[in-house]
Every structure is written in structure tokens, then in C-alpha cells.
Amino acid sequence: MGLLSAAYDGSIELDSLPTDWVDRMARRIEKGLLAPGSRRRANYVVRSRSSDAVTFSADDFWTAFNIGLNDVELRRADGNRVAYHASFS
């Protein structure tokens, strides 16, 4: 993807990836992704989840405009790696 692309993909390798990582990530998104306990500046909602993936997106105009992570998918890739796809649609 280019520098000014409207979407990007990547992955991150962790030391360990708990079996309940999707539930943990969903809870963090629901409680406030960037600032736990505050959804004022980063109001995201979980759109879907399975045992290996979670998808979330901005739930209001100001989050989409200010933060820009409008649609995000996190998916277990292999081993302790999580792949991500994010777009600024």
C-alpha cells in the first residue's frame, strides 16, 4: 500500500496470543479503544467477531473524521501473529 493509501494491511507477532484474545480485544473496544473509560474521542463499535477475528469501526462522524480508523479487522494469522486490515473509507 502507498503512503497516501486509503487502506493498509500488516501483521504483528506477539510473544504469546491468549486463546481469548478476541474477547479481550472486544472488551477493550467497548470500554474505549484509545482511552479506556472514555468513548468521547474514539467511539468504536464491534461489528463482528469469531474465535479468530474481530471487526470494529468508527460509530460516529467525529471518530471517523478525527481518528480515521474507520474499519478495522484483526485476525489470527498463524502461531502468535495477528494480521490486520484497516481502511479510512
N, C-alpha and C. Protein backbone atom coordinates (compact mmCIF):
# COMPACT_ATOMS: atom_id res chain seq x y z
N MET A 1 0.83 -1.17 0.00
CA MET A 1 0.00 0.00 0.00
C MET A 1 0.88 1.24 0.00
N GLY A 2 0.42 2.28 -0.64
CA GLY A 2 1.19 3.51 -0.72
C GLY A 2 1.03 4.38 0.51
N LEU A 3 1.84 5.41 0.57
CA LEU A 3 1.84 6.31 1.72
C LEU A 3 0.47 6.97 1.94
N LEU A 4 -0.19 7.35 0.87
CA LEU A 4 -1.49 8.02 1.00
C LEU A 4 -2.65 7.09 0.68
N SER A 5 -2.45 5.82 0.83
CA SER A 5 -3.49 4.84 0.54
C SER A 5 -4.63 4.94 1.53
N ALA A 6 -5.82 4.59 1.07
CA ALA A 6 -7.00 4.63 1.94
C ALA A 6 -7.15 3.36 2.77
N ALA A 7 -6.23 2.42 2.59
CA ALA A 7 -6.28 1.17 3.36
C ALA A 7 -4.87 0.62 3.53
N TYR A 8 -4.69 -0.18 4.54
CA TYR A 8 -3.39 -0.82 4.73
C TYR A 8 -3.56 -2.16 5.43
N ASP A 9 -2.57 -3.02 5.23
CA ASP A 9 -2.55 -4.36 5.82
C ASP A 9 -1.21 -4.57 6.50
N GLY A 10 -1.19 -5.46 7.45
CA GLY A 10 0.05 -5.80 8.11
C GLY A 10 -0.18 -6.89 9.12
N SER A 11 0.84 -7.15 9.91
CA SER A 11 0.70 -8.14 10.97
C SER A 11 1.68 -7.80 12.08
N ILE A 12 1.40 -8.34 13.23
CA ILE A 12 2.27 -8.16 14.39
C ILE A 12 2.43 -9.52 15.06
N GLU A 13 3.65 -9.82 15.45
CA GLU A 13 3.89 -11.08 16.15
C GLU A 13 4.05 -10.79 17.64
N LEU A 14 3.33 -11.53 18.45
CA LEU A 14 3.33 -11.36 19.89
C LEU A 14 4.08 -12.51 20.55
N ASP A 15 4.57 -12.28 21.76
CA ASP A 15 5.23 -13.36 22.50
C ASP A 15 4.29 -14.53 22.70
N SER A 16 3.05 -14.20 23.05
CA SER A 16 2.02 -15.23 23.18
C SER A 16 0.68 -14.59 22.85
N LEU A 17 -0.22 -15.39 22.36
CA LEU A 17 -1.55 -14.92 21.99
C LEU A 17 -2.57 -15.76 22.74
N PRO A 18 -3.21 -15.19 23.77
CA PRO A 18 -4.16 -15.97 24.57
C PRO A 18 -5.31 -16.49 23.72
N THR A 19 -5.87 -17.60 24.12
CA THR A 19 -6.99 -18.16 23.37
C THR A 19 -8.20 -17.23 23.38
N ASP A 20 -8.32 -16.37 24.40
CA ASP A 20 -9.46 -15.46 24.49
C ASP A 20 -9.11 -14.04 24.01
N TRP A 21 -8.12 -13.91 23.13
CA TRP A 21 -7.68 -12.58 22.69
C TRP A 21 -8.79 -11.80 22.01
N VAL A 22 -9.68 -12.47 21.27
CA VAL A 22 -10.79 -11.77 20.61
C VAL A 22 -11.71 -11.16 21.66
N ASP A 23 -12.05 -11.92 22.69
CA ASP A 23 -12.91 -11.39 23.75
C ASP A 23 -12.25 -10.21 24.46
N ARG A 24 -10.97 -10.32 24.73
CA ARG A 24 -10.24 -9.22 25.39
C ARG A 24 -10.23 -7.97 24.52
N MET A 25 -9.98 -8.15 23.24
CA MET A 25 -9.94 -7.01 22.33
C MET A 25 -11.33 -6.38 22.21
N ALA A 26 -12.36 -7.20 22.11
CA ALA A 26 -13.73 -6.68 22.01
C ALA A 26 -14.09 -5.88 23.26
N ARG A 27 -13.71 -6.38 24.44
CA ARG A 27 -13.97 -5.63 25.68
C ARG A 27 -13.25 -4.28 25.67
N ARG A 28 -12.02 -4.27 25.20
CA ARG A 28 -11.25 -3.02 25.15
C ARG A 28 -11.91 -2.03 24.20
N ILE A 29 -12.37 -2.49 23.07
CA ILE A 29 -13.05 -1.63 22.11
C ILE A 29 -14.32 -1.07 22.73
N GLU A 30 -15.10 -1.92 23.40
CA GLU A 30 -16.36 -1.50 24.00
C GLU A 30 -16.16 -0.52 25.15
N LYS A 31 -15.04 -0.64 25.88
CA LYS A 31 -14.77 0.25 27.03
C LYS A 31 -14.07 1.53 26.63
N GLY A 32 -13.56 1.60 25.43
CA GLY A 32 -12.83 2.77 24.97
C GLY A 32 -11.48 2.34 24.43
N LEU A 33 -11.34 2.32 23.13
CA LEU A 33 -10.15 1.77 22.49
C LEU A 33 -8.87 2.52 22.85
N LEU A 34 -8.86 3.83 22.69
CA LEU A 34 -7.64 4.59 22.90
C LEU A 34 -7.49 5.09 24.32
N ALA A 35 -8.60 5.41 24.95
CA ALA A 35 -8.59 5.88 26.33
C ALA A 35 -9.65 5.10 27.09
N PRO A 36 -9.25 4.02 27.78
CA PRO A 36 -10.24 3.20 28.49
C PRO A 36 -11.15 4.04 29.38
N GLY A 37 -12.45 3.77 29.29
CA GLY A 37 -13.42 4.50 30.08
C GLY A 37 -13.97 5.73 29.38
N SER A 38 -13.38 6.12 28.26
CA SER A 38 -13.83 7.31 27.53
C SER A 38 -14.04 6.98 26.07
N ARG A 39 -15.26 7.17 25.60
CA ARG A 39 -15.57 6.95 24.19
C ARG A 39 -15.74 8.28 23.46
N ARG A 40 -15.52 9.37 24.17
CA ARG A 40 -15.78 10.69 23.60
C ARG A 40 -14.96 10.97 22.35
N ARG A 41 -13.68 10.62 22.37
CA ARG A 41 -12.80 10.95 21.26
C ARG A 41 -12.52 9.77 20.34
N ALA A 42 -12.89 8.59 20.77
CA ALA A 42 -12.65 7.40 19.95
C ALA A 42 -13.80 6.43 20.18
N ASN A 43 -14.89 6.68 19.50
CA ASN A 43 -16.11 5.91 19.68
C ASN A 43 -16.20 4.80 18.63
N TYR A 44 -15.75 3.62 19.02
CA TYR A 44 -15.75 2.47 18.13
C TYR A 44 -16.76 1.44 18.61
N VAL A 45 -17.26 0.64 17.66
CA VAL A 45 -18.20 -0.42 17.99
C VAL A 45 -17.73 -1.71 17.30
N VAL A 46 -17.88 -2.82 18.01
CA VAL A 46 -17.56 -4.13 17.44
C VAL A 46 -18.66 -4.49 16.46
N ARG A 47 -18.29 -4.78 15.23
CA ARG A 47 -19.27 -5.13 14.19
C ARG A 47 -19.45 -6.64 14.07
N SER A 48 -18.37 -7.39 14.26
CA SER A 48 -18.48 -8.85 14.22
C SER A 48 -17.28 -9.45 14.93
N ARG A 49 -17.46 -10.70 15.35
CA ARG A 49 -16.35 -11.41 15.96
C ARG A 49 -16.59 -12.90 15.88
N SER A 50 -15.48 -13.62 15.85
CA SER A 50 -15.49 -15.07 15.86
C SER A 50 -14.37 -15.50 16.79
N SER A 51 -14.05 -16.76 16.81
CA SER A 51 -12.98 -17.22 17.70
C SER A 51 -11.61 -16.74 17.24
N ASP A 52 -11.48 -16.37 15.97
CA ASP A 52 -10.18 -15.97 15.42
C ASP A 52 -10.12 -14.56 14.86
N ALA A 53 -11.21 -13.79 14.95
CA ALA A 53 -11.20 -12.46 14.34
C ALA A 53 -12.19 -11.53 15.03
N VAL A 54 -11.88 -10.24 14.94
CA VAL A 54 -12.79 -9.21 15.42
C VAL A 54 -12.73 -8.06 14.42
N THR A 55 -13.90 -7.51 14.11
CA THR A 55 -14.01 -6.38 13.21
C THR A 55 -14.69 -5.25 13.96
N PHE A 56 -14.13 -4.05 13.85
CA PHE A 56 -14.74 -2.90 14.51
C PHE A 56 -14.63 -1.68 13.62
N SER A 57 -15.46 -0.68 13.91
CA SER A 57 -15.46 0.53 13.09
C SER A 57 -15.88 1.73 13.92
N ALA A 58 -15.59 2.89 13.37
CA ALA A 58 -16.00 4.14 13.99
C ALA A 58 -17.52 4.18 14.03
N ASP A 59 -18.06 4.65 15.15
CA ASP A 59 -19.51 4.65 15.31
C ASP A 59 -20.13 6.03 15.15
N ASP A 60 -19.31 7.03 14.87
CA ASP A 60 -19.86 8.36 14.64
C ASP A 60 -18.94 9.15 13.71
N PHE A 61 -19.46 10.24 13.21
CA PHE A 61 -18.72 11.06 12.25
C PHE A 61 -17.40 11.56 12.81
N TRP A 62 -17.41 12.06 14.04
CA TRP A 62 -16.21 12.69 14.60
C TRP A 62 -15.09 11.69 14.83
N THR A 63 -15.41 10.47 15.23
CA THR A 63 -14.37 9.45 15.37
C THR A 63 -13.79 9.12 13.99
N ALA A 64 -14.65 8.93 13.02
CA ALA A 64 -14.18 8.62 11.67
C ALA A 64 -13.33 9.76 11.11
N PHE A 65 -13.73 10.98 11.36
CA PHE A 65 -13.02 12.14 10.83
C PHE A 65 -11.71 12.40 11.57
N ASN A 66 -11.75 12.38 12.90
CA ASN A 66 -10.57 12.74 13.69
C ASN A 66 -9.53 11.63 13.77
N ILE A 67 -9.94 10.41 14.00
CA ILE A 67 -9.01 9.30 14.17
C ILE A 67 -8.69 8.67 12.82
N GLY A 68 -9.72 8.44 12.04
CA GLY A 68 -9.51 7.91 10.69
C GLY A 68 -9.54 6.40 10.56
N LEU A 69 -9.42 5.66 11.66
CA LEU A 69 -9.51 4.20 11.56
C LEU A 69 -10.98 3.83 11.48
N ASN A 70 -11.54 3.93 10.30
CA ASN A 70 -12.98 3.75 10.16
C ASN A 70 -13.42 2.30 10.20
N ASP A 71 -12.67 1.42 9.57
CA ASP A 71 -13.00 0.00 9.55
C ASP A 71 -11.72 -0.80 9.79
N VAL A 72 -11.74 -1.68 10.80
CA VAL A 72 -10.55 -2.44 11.16
C VAL A 72 -10.93 -3.91 11.35
N GLU A 73 -10.11 -4.80 10.80
CA GLU A 73 -10.27 -6.22 11.04
C GLU A 73 -8.95 -6.75 11.62
N LEU A 74 -9.05 -7.46 12.73
CA LEU A 74 -7.92 -8.16 13.34
C LEU A 74 -8.21 -9.64 13.23
N ARG A 75 -7.23 -10.42 12.74
CA ARG A 75 -7.45 -11.85 12.52
C ARG A 75 -6.20 -12.62 12.91
N ARG A 76 -6.41 -13.74 13.64
CA ARG A 76 -5.27 -14.62 13.95
C ARG A 76 -4.71 -15.13 12.62
N ALA A 77 -3.41 -14.95 12.44
CA ALA A 77 -2.78 -15.39 11.20
C ALA A 77 -2.22 -16.80 11.39
N ASP A 78 -1.14 -16.93 12.09
CA ASP A 78 -0.57 -18.23 12.41
C ASP A 78 0.28 -18.08 13.66
N GLY A 79 0.32 -19.13 14.44
CA GLY A 79 1.09 -19.05 15.68
C GLY A 79 0.63 -17.90 16.56
N ASN A 80 1.54 -17.01 16.87
CA ASN A 80 1.23 -15.86 17.72
C ASN A 80 1.15 -14.57 16.93
N ARG A 81 0.79 -14.66 15.66
CA ARG A 81 0.72 -13.49 14.80
C ARG A 81 -0.73 -13.08 14.58
N VAL A 82 -0.97 -11.76 14.63
CA VAL A 82 -2.28 -11.20 14.33
C VAL A 82 -2.13 -10.33 13.09
N ALA A 83 -2.94 -10.61 12.08
CA ALA A 83 -2.95 -9.81 10.86
C ALA A 83 -4.03 -8.74 11.01
N TYR A 84 -3.79 -7.59 10.40
CA TYR A 84 -4.79 -6.53 10.46
C TYR A 84 -5.00 -5.92 9.09
N HIS A 85 -6.20 -5.42 8.89
CA HIS A 85 -6.57 -4.64 7.70
C HIS A 85 -7.36 -3.45 8.22
N ALA A 86 -6.96 -2.27 7.83
CA ALA A 86 -7.67 -1.06 8.25
C ALA A 86 -7.91 -0.18 7.04
N SER A 87 -9.03 0.51 7.06
CA SER A 87 -9.33 1.43 5.97
C SER A 87 -9.87 2.74 6.51
N PHE A 88 -9.72 3.75 5.70
CA PHE A 88 -10.17 5.09 6.05
C PHE A 88 -11.37 5.47 5.19
N SER A 89 -12.20 4.50 4.87
CA SER A 89 -13.31 4.71 3.93
C SER A 89 -14.29 5.74 4.39
